Amino acid sequence: VQLQASGGGLVQAGGSLRLSCAASGTIISTSTMAWYRQAPGNQREFVALIRPGGSINYADSVKGRFTISRDNARNTVYLQMNTLKPEDTAVYYCNANRGVQYWGKGTQVTVSS
């Protein structure tokens, strides 16, 4: 199983980015797919997830600003991030859970004030 995250970058506060996570070796429609993030000196924290049935959960800190979605045909999960804040700066990781968890390499998101 490979998860390839992309779409990170440098953006000013208030801006937007869309992260993508392309999966191979697993089918995202039957996996719980999630995004986590880790800021320097902090533990990795949950951001958002989407279950096979389509239900979604968000961390309180991103509710109303971030949207998780998936494209089953492309086997890809997205994280649309709007109204970004400097505290959103972190490395963002994609996660797939089918009883066994898989992690991709992260993508850096930096939000300048």
Protein backbone atom coordinates (compact mmCIF):
# COMPACT_ATOMS: atom_id res chain seq x y z
CA VAL A 1 0.00 0.00 0.00
CA GLN A 2 1.31 3.40 -0.96
CA LEU A 3 -0.18 6.78 -0.13
CA GLN A 4 1.25 9.77 -1.96
CA ALA A 5 0.31 13.14 -0.51
CA SER A 6 0.81 16.32 -2.49
CA GLY A 7 -0.41 19.89 -2.74
CA GLY A 8 1.36 21.48 0.19
CA GLY A 9 3.14 24.79 -0.04
CA LEU A 10 3.51 28.29 1.31
CA VAL A 11 0.40 30.46 1.52
CA GLN A 12 -0.57 33.66 3.28
CA ALA A 13 -3.07 33.66 6.11
CA GLY A 14 -6.59 33.62 4.73
CA GLY A 15 -5.53 31.69 1.66
CA SER A 16 -6.42 28.21 0.46
CA LEU A 17 -4.70 24.99 -0.50
CA ARG A 18 -5.96 21.61 -1.65
CA LEU A 19 -4.09 18.51 -0.60
CA SER A 20 -4.36 15.26 -2.51
CA CYS A 21 -3.63 11.72 -1.41
CA ALA A 22 -3.34 9.19 -4.19
CA ALA A 23 -3.59 5.59 -3.03
CA SER A 24 -2.23 2.46 -4.62
CA GLY A 25 -2.48 -1.08 -3.32
CA THR A 26 -5.70 -0.35 -1.48
CA ILE A 27 -9.15 0.87 -2.42
CA ILE A 28 -10.12 4.08 -0.69
CA SER A 29 -13.84 3.45 -1.04
CA THR A 30 -13.56 0.55 1.41
CA SER A 31 -11.08 2.23 3.74
CA THR A 32 -11.48 4.94 6.32
CA MET A 33 -9.29 7.68 4.94
CA ALA A 34 -7.97 10.44 7.14
CA TRP A 35 -5.68 13.41 7.29
CA TYR A 36 -3.42 14.14 10.25
CA ARG A 37 -0.90 16.88 10.83
CA GLN A 38 2.19 17.43 12.92
CA ALA A 39 3.64 20.80 13.76
CA PRO A 40 7.23 21.14 15.00
CA GLY A 41 7.50 20.09 18.62
CA ASN A 42 3.94 18.76 18.68
CA GLN A 43 2.40 15.34 18.48
CA ARG A 44 0.63 14.24 15.35
CA GLU A 45 -3.01 15.27 15.53
CA PHE A 46 -6.20 14.27 13.77
CA VAL A 47 -7.60 16.66 11.17
CA ALA A 48 -10.40 14.93 9.25
CA LEU A 49 -11.65 11.53 8.16
CA ILE A 50 -14.14 10.02 5.74
CA ARG A 51 -15.55 6.55 6.24
CA PRO A 52 -16.49 4.06 3.52
CA GLY A 53 -20.16 4.92 4.04
CA GLY A 54 -19.41 8.61 3.54
CA SER A 55 -19.71 9.90 7.10
CA ILE A 56 -17.17 12.56 7.95
CA ASN A 57 -15.55 13.90 11.08
CA TYR A 58 -13.40 16.98 11.61
CA ALA A 59 -11.23 18.26 14.38
CA ASP A 60 -12.86 21.24 16.07
CA SER A 61 -9.96 23.45 15.03
CA VAL A 62 -10.72 23.01 11.32
CA LYS A 63 -14.51 22.72 11.25
CA GLY A 64 -16.04 25.13 8.78
CA ARG A 65 -12.71 25.75 7.06
CA PHE A 66 -11.53 22.34 5.82
CA THR A 67 -13.40 19.84 3.66
CA ILE A 68 -12.42 16.22 3.12
CA SER A 69 -13.64 14.40 0.03
CA ARG A 70 -12.75 11.43 -2.12
CA ASP A 71 -12.83 10.46 -5.77
CA ASN A 72 -13.26 6.71 -5.90
CA ALA A 73 -12.57 6.58 -9.63
CA ARG A 74 -9.20 8.21 -9.07
CA ASN A 75 -8.61 6.39 -5.77
CA THR A 76 -7.71 9.77 -4.32
CA VAL A 77 -8.69 11.66 -1.19
CA TYR A 78 -8.61 15.44 -0.95
CA LEU A 79 -8.43 18.01 1.79
CA GLN A 80 -9.62 21.45 0.77
CA MET A 81 -8.26 23.97 3.23
CA ASN A 82 -9.73 27.46 3.26
CA THR A 83 -9.20 30.48 5.48
CA LEU A 84 -5.83 29.13 6.50
CA LYS A 85 -4.24 30.35 9.71
CA PRO A 86 -0.59 30.37 10.81
CA GLU A 87 -1.47 27.68 13.37
CA ASP A 88 -2.37 25.37 10.48
CA THR A 89 1.33 25.21 9.62
CA ALA A 90 2.39 21.57 9.82
CA VAL A 91 3.34 18.51 7.87
CA TYR A 92 0.10 16.89 6.70
CA TYR A 93 -0.13 13.11 6.47
CA CYS A 94 -2.60 10.85 4.72
CA ASN A 95 -3.80 7.74 6.53
CA ALA A 96 -5.74 4.67 5.38
CA ASN A 97 -7.35 2.33 7.87
CA ARG A 98 -8.70 -1.10 6.95
CA GLY A 99 -8.01 -2.64 10.32
CA VAL A 100 -4.35 -2.12 9.51
CA GLN A 101 -3.20 1.48 9.27
CA TYR A 102 -1.08 2.85 6.48
CA TRP A 103 0.68 6.20 6.38
CA GLY A 104 2.01 8.21 3.51
CA LYS A 105 4.90 10.62 3.52
CA GLY A 106 3.76 14.05 4.54
CA THR A 107 3.41 17.27 2.64
CA GLN A 108 4.46 20.55 4.20
CA VAL A 109 1.93 23.33 4.63
CA THR A 110 3.25 26.70 5.75
CA VAL A 111 0.91 29.60 6.45
CA SER A 112 2.52 33.00 6.84
CA SER A 113 0.95 35.78 8.89
